Amino acid sequence: MSDENSIFEEQTNASEGNQISSPNDENMPEINPKKICFVVAKYRELSIEDVGAEPDASNETDDGFHSILTVAGVSATEAELIGFIDAMDHDEKNAITAMMWIGRGDFEAEDWQSAVAEAEARRTGSVSRYLLGTPRLADYLETALAEFGETCQNFEIGRL
């Protein structure tokens, strides 16, 4: 387990009581805001990575191993983020998708149950691939958190 993962585990375990809850809806599924903030932080890291060059048919030895800088592989950050989202339980995957939609303006915070039901009904493939394929994912998740009175500010400070 990497140091970042252990830091995240400590932050998550220390804040188990911090669950997003809507005062208007007692049936809202719980999702730890720290999990959403972890996705936000990792997505921002991923978005600033160098995308590399297109792979070619050159020989790694002849070109000084420059081919390792191509987009042919998955970055460690992307792999970590995919693994983290894929490890979420069914309800958390629906919740983070609904949060993204709320932040994007597809739903209002008051429509939480409808957004979660829609996420459940529309899921056909990998949630991680869907979310990572969404431009501005981090912005949308932070906007949605703000609608529920949460922020990633303390999470970001704890990571520095």
C-alpha atoms as a PDB file:
ATOM      1  CA  MET A   1       0.000   0.000   0.000  1.00  0.00           C
ATOM      2  CA  SER A   2       1.417   3.372  -0.955  1.00  0.00           C
ATOM      3  CA  ASP A   3       1.880   6.196   1.512  1.00  0.00           C
ATOM      4  CA  GLU A   4      -0.944   8.132  -0.132  1.00  0.00           C
ATOM      5  CA  ASN A   5      -3.315   5.194   0.322  1.00  0.00           C
ATOM      6  CA  SER A   6      -2.376   4.805   3.977  1.00  0.00           C
ATOM      7  CA  ILE A   7      -2.894   8.543   4.514  1.00  0.00           C
ATOM      8  CA  PHE A   8      -6.280   8.236   2.860  1.00  0.00           C
ATOM      9  CA  GLU A   9      -7.175   5.226   5.004  1.00  0.00           C
ATOM     10  CA  GLU A  10      -6.251   7.141   8.155  1.00  0.00           C
ATOM     11  CA  GLN A  11      -8.263  10.174   7.068  1.00  0.00           C
ATOM     12  CA  THR A  12     -11.237   8.031   6.126  1.00  0.00           C
ATOM     13  CA  ASN A  13     -11.171   6.015   9.336  1.00  0.00           C
ATOM     14  CA  ALA A  14     -10.792   9.130  11.454  1.00  0.00           C
ATOM     15  CA  SER A  15     -13.854  10.677   9.874  1.00  0.00           C
ATOM     16  CA  GLU A  16     -16.281   7.770   9.625  1.00  0.00           C
ATOM     17  CA  GLY A  17     -18.953   9.991  11.129  1.00  0.00           C
ATOM     18  CA  ASN A  18     -18.647  12.458   8.250  1.00  0.00           C
ATOM     19  CA  GLN A  19     -21.340  11.269   5.911  1.00  0.00           C
ATOM     20  CA  ILE A  20     -23.141  13.456   3.438  1.00  0.00           C
ATOM     21  CA  SER A  21     -26.724  13.721   4.501  1.00  0.00           C
ATOM     22  CA  SER A  22     -29.511  15.836   3.227  1.00  0.00           C
ATOM     23  CA  PRO A  23     -31.749  17.445   5.813  1.00  0.00           C
ATOM     24  CA  ASN A  24     -34.631  17.081   3.349  1.00  0.00           C
ATOM     25  CA  ASP A  25     -34.219  13.374   2.679  1.00  0.00           C
ATOM     26  CA  GLU A  26     -33.692  10.776   5.378  1.00  0.00           C
ATOM     27  CA  ASN A  27     -33.352   7.965   2.799  1.00  0.00           C
ATOM     28  CA  MET A  28     -30.284   9.395   1.101  1.00  0.00           C
ATOM     29  CA  PRO A  29     -27.570   6.706   0.818  1.00  0.00           C
ATOM     30  CA  GLU A  30     -24.424   7.527   2.701  1.00  0.00           C
ATOM     31  CA  ILE A  31     -21.156   8.228   0.952  1.00  0.00           C
ATOM     32  CA  ASN A  32     -18.146   9.438   2.814  1.00  0.00           C
ATOM     33  CA  PRO A  33     -17.136  12.880   1.495  1.00  0.00           C
ATOM     34  CA  LYS A  34     -13.490  11.840   1.983  1.00  0.00           C
ATOM     35  CA  LYS A  35     -13.960   9.256  -0.764  1.00  0.00           C
ATOM     36  CA  ILE A  36     -15.275  11.906  -3.120  1.00  0.00           C
ATOM     37  CA  CYS A  37     -12.414  14.220  -2.153  1.00  0.00           C
ATOM     38  CA  PHE A  38      -9.911  11.442  -2.831  1.00  0.00           C
ATOM     39  CA  VAL A  39     -11.366  11.049  -6.341  1.00  0.00           C
ATOM     40  CA  VAL A  40     -11.207  14.836  -6.805  1.00  0.00           C
ATOM     41  CA  ALA A  41      -7.554  14.983  -5.718  1.00  0.00           C
ATOM     42  CA  LYS A  42      -6.472  12.013  -7.822  1.00  0.00           C
ATOM     43  CA  TYR A  43      -8.406  13.266 -10.864  1.00  0.00           C
ATOM     44  CA  ARG A  44      -6.639  16.624 -10.577  1.00  0.00           C
ATOM     45  CA  GLU A  45      -3.268  14.819 -10.373  1.00  0.00           C
ATOM     46  CA  LEU A  46      -4.206  12.779 -13.420  1.00  0.00           C
ATOM     47  CA  SER A  47      -5.308  15.819 -15.406  1.00  0.00           C
ATOM     48  CA  ILE A  48      -1.919  17.533 -15.024  1.00  0.00           C
ATOM     49  CA  GLU A  49       0.149  14.513 -16.045  1.00  0.00           C
ATOM     50  CA  ASP A  50       2.018  14.717 -19.303  1.00  0.00           C
ATOM     51  CA  VAL A  51       0.033  12.741 -21.868  1.00  0.00           C
ATOM     52  CA  GLY A  52       3.188  11.679 -23.718  1.00  0.00           C
ATOM     53  CA  ALA A  53       3.587  11.007 -27.389  1.00  0.00           C
ATOM     54  CA  GLU A  54       1.900   8.551 -29.708  1.00  0.00           C
ATOM     55  CA  PRO A  55       3.675   5.178 -29.697  1.00  0.00           C
ATOM     56  CA  ASP A  56       5.604   4.180 -32.793  1.00  0.00           C
ATOM     57  CA  ALA A  57       7.378   1.074 -34.045  1.00  0.00           C
ATOM     58  CA  SER A  58      10.811   2.167 -32.831  1.00  0.00           C
ATOM     59  CA  ASN A  59      13.079   0.012 -30.742  1.00  0.00           C
ATOM     60  CA  GLU A  60      13.396   1.099 -27.095  1.00  0.00           C
ATOM     61  CA  THR A  61      17.140   0.445 -27.051  1.00  0.00           C
ATOM     62  CA  ASP A  62      17.771   2.448 -30.211  1.00  0.00           C
ATOM     63  CA  ASP A  63      15.705   5.454 -29.155  1.00  0.00           C
ATOM     64  CA  GLY A  64      17.077   5.701 -25.626  1.00  0.00           C
ATOM     65  CA  PHE A  65      13.861   4.344 -24.072  1.00  0.00           C
ATOM     66  CA  HIS A  66      11.884   7.431 -25.109  1.00  0.00           C
ATOM     67  CA  SER A  67       8.993   5.112 -25.990  1.00  0.00           C
ATOM     68  CA  ILE A  68       8.181   4.732 -22.297  1.00  0.00           C
ATOM     69  CA  LEU A  69       6.850   8.293 -22.477  1.00  0.00           C
ATOM     70  CA  THR A  70       4.040   7.282 -24.840  1.00  0.00           C
ATOM     71  CA  VAL A  71       0.347   7.083 -24.083  1.00  0.00           C
ATOM     72  CA  ALA A  72       0.370   3.320 -24.648  1.00  0.00           C
ATOM     73  CA  GLY A  73       0.109   2.476 -20.963  1.00  0.00           C
ATOM     74  CA  VAL A  74      -2.022   3.471 -18.022  1.00  0.00           C
ATOM     75  CA  SER A  75      -0.368   5.839 -15.573  1.00  0.00           C
ATOM     76  CA  ALA A  76       0.035   4.804 -11.962  1.00  0.00           C
ATOM     77  CA  THR A  77      -2.311   7.608 -10.897  1.00  0.00           C
ATOM     78  CA  GLU A  78      -4.977   6.492 -13.355  1.00  0.00           C
ATOM     79  CA  ALA A  79      -4.616   2.862 -12.284  1.00  0.00           C
ATOM     80  CA  GLU A  80      -4.938   3.878  -8.629  1.00  0.00           C
ATOM     81  CA  LEU A  81      -8.041   5.955  -9.333  1.00  0.00           C
ATOM     82  CA  ILE A  82      -9.670   3.218 -11.425  1.00  0.00           C
ATOM     83  CA  GLY A  83      -8.943   0.676  -8.688  1.00  0.00           C
ATOM     84  CA  PHE A  84     -10.334   2.967  -6.002  1.00  0.00           C
ATOM     85  CA  ILE A  85     -13.609   3.598  -7.855  1.00  0.00           C
ATOM     86  CA  ASP A  86     -13.959  -0.053  -8.889  1.00  0.00           C
ATOM     87  CA  ALA A  87     -13.548  -1.067  -5.220  1.00  0.00           C
ATOM     88  CA  MET A  88     -16.510   1.084  -4.161  1.00  0.00           C
ATOM     89  CA  ASP A  89     -19.656  -0.810  -3.312  1.00  0.00           C
ATOM     90  CA  HIS A  90     -22.742  -0.685  -5.510  1.00  0.00           C
ATOM     91  CA  ASP A  91     -24.422   2.152  -3.587  1.00  0.00           C
ATOM     92  CA  GLU A  92     -21.255   4.275  -3.520  1.00  0.00           C
ATOM     93  CA  LYS A  93     -20.850   3.933  -7.286  1.00  0.00           C
ATOM     94  CA  ASN A  94     -24.425   5.120  -7.773  1.00  0.00           C
ATOM     95  CA  ALA A  95     -23.881   7.931  -5.278  1.00  0.00           C
ATOM     96  CA  ILE A  96     -20.676   9.260  -6.846  1.00  0.00           C
ATOM     97  CA  THR A  97     -22.309   9.160 -10.287  1.00  0.00           C
ATOM     98  CA  ALA A  98     -25.317  11.047  -8.901  1.00  0.00           C
ATOM     99  CA  MET A  99     -22.962  13.559  -7.265  1.00  0.00           C
ATOM    100  CA  MET A 100     -21.243  14.177 -10.597  1.00  0.00           C
ATOM    101  CA  TRP A 101     -24.611  14.746 -12.269  1.00  0.00           C
ATOM    102  CA  ILE A 102     -25.703  17.152  -9.525  1.00  0.00           C
ATOM    103  CA  GLY A 103     -22.472  19.108  -9.877  1.00  0.00           C
ATOM    104  CA  ARG A 104     -22.895  19.203 -13.651  1.00  0.00           C
ATOM    105  CA  GLY A 105     -26.420  20.563 -13.272  1.00  0.00           C
ATOM    106  CA  ASP A 106     -28.335  17.534 -14.564  1.00  0.00           C
ATOM    107  CA  PHE A 107     -30.091  17.217 -11.190  1.00  0.00           C
ATOM    108  CA  GLU A 108     -30.614  19.454  -8.162  1.00  0.00           C
ATOM    109  CA  ALA A 109     -29.480  18.399  -4.691  1.00  0.00           C
ATOM    110  CA  GLU A 110     -33.154  18.065  -3.726  1.00  0.00           C
ATOM    111  CA  ASP A 111     -33.498  15.429  -6.472  1.00  0.00           C
ATOM    112  CA  TRP A 112     -30.941  13.158  -4.812  1.00  0.00           C
ATOM    113  CA  GLN A 113     -33.104  10.016  -4.826  1.00  0.00           C
ATOM    114  CA  SER A 114     -33.993  10.529  -8.490  1.00  0.00           C
ATOM    115  CA  ALA A 115     -30.330  11.005  -9.414  1.00  0.00           C
ATOM    116  CA  VAL A 116     -29.307   7.828  -7.571  1.00  0.00           C
ATOM    117  CA  ALA A 117     -32.159   5.858  -9.157  1.00  0.00           C
ATOM    118  CA  GLU A 118     -31.143   7.143 -12.587  1.00  0.00           C
ATOM    119  CA  ALA A 119     -27.516   6.157 -11.947  1.00  0.00           C
ATOM    120  CA  GLU A 120     -28.699   2.671 -11.021  1.00  0.00           C
ATOM    121  CA  ALA A 121     -30.951   2.385 -14.071  1.00  0.00           C
ATOM    122  CA  ARG A 122     -28.399   3.699 -16.571  1.00  0.00           C
ATOM    123  CA  ARG A 123     -25.362   1.751 -15.408  1.00  0.00           C
ATOM    124  CA  THR A 124     -24.236  -0.572 -18.175  1.00  0.00           C
ATOM    125  CA  GLY A 125     -20.460  -0.580 -17.923  1.00  0.00           C
ATOM    126  CA  SER A 126     -17.540   0.512 -15.834  1.00  0.00           C
ATOM    127  CA  VAL A 127     -18.360   3.420 -13.527  1.00  0.00           C
ATOM    128  CA  SER A 128     -14.670   4.312 -13.250  1.00  0.00           C
ATOM    129  CA  ARG A 129     -14.291   4.593 -17.025  1.00  0.00           C
ATOM    130  CA  TYR A 130     -17.490   6.638 -17.256  1.00  0.00           C
ATOM    131  CA  LEU A 131     -16.392   9.055 -14.545  1.00  0.00           C
ATOM    132  CA  LEU A 132     -12.802   9.380 -15.783  1.00  0.00           C
ATOM    133  CA  GLY A 133     -14.141  10.069 -19.262  1.00  0.00           C
ATOM    134  CA  THR A 134     -16.056  13.078 -17.946  1.00  0.00           C
ATOM    135  CA  PRO A 135     -14.213  16.350 -18.500  1.00  0.00           C
ATOM    136  CA  ARG A 136     -14.154  18.552 -15.378  1.00  0.00           C
ATOM    137  CA  LEU A 137     -15.121  15.632 -13.105  1.00  0.00           C
ATOM    138  CA  ALA A 138     -13.300  17.166 -10.132  1.00  0.00           C
ATOM    139  CA  ASP A 139     -15.122  20.480 -10.569  1.00  0.00           C
ATOM    140  CA  TYR A 140     -18.494  18.735 -10.777  1.00  0.00           C
ATOM    141  CA  LEU A 141     -17.863  16.661  -7.658  1.00  0.00           C
ATOM    142  CA  GLU A 142     -16.726  19.701  -5.671  1.00  0.00           C
ATOM    143  CA  THR A 143     -19.775  21.669  -6.814  1.00  0.00           C
ATOM    144  CA  ALA A 144     -22.055  18.840  -5.700  1.00  0.00           C
ATOM    145  CA  LEU A 145     -20.305  18.574  -2.345  1.00  0.00           C
ATOM    146  CA  ALA A 146     -20.844  22.310  -1.831  1.00  0.00           C
ATOM    147  CA  GLU A 147     -24.563  21.817  -2.486  1.00  0.00           C
ATOM    148  CA  PHE A 148     -24.603  19.422   0.467  1.00  0.00           C
ATOM    149  CA  GLY A 149     -22.556  21.765   2.653  1.00  0.00           C
ATOM    150  CA  GLU A 150     -19.293  19.834   2.323  1.00  0.00           C
ATOM    151  CA  THR A 151     -15.849  20.796   1.025  1.00  0.00           C
ATOM    152  CA  CYS A 152     -12.561  19.127   0.158  1.00  0.00           C
ATOM    153  CA  GLN A 153     -10.513  21.933   1.693  1.00  0.00           C
ATOM    154  CA  ASN A 154      -9.522  20.033   4.853  1.00  0.00           C
ATOM    155  CA  PHE A 155      -8.819  16.908   2.827  1.00  0.00           C
ATOM    156  CA  GLU A 156      -6.463  18.811   0.548  1.00  0.00           C
ATOM    157  CA  ILE A 157      -4.653  20.368   3.519  1.00  0.00           C
ATOM    158  CA  GLY A 158      -4.205  16.941   5.064  1.00  0.00           C
ATOM    159  CA  ARG A 159      -2.563  15.640   1.881  1.00  0.00           C
ATOM    160  CA  LEU A 160       0.078  18.379   1.699  1.00  0.00           C
END
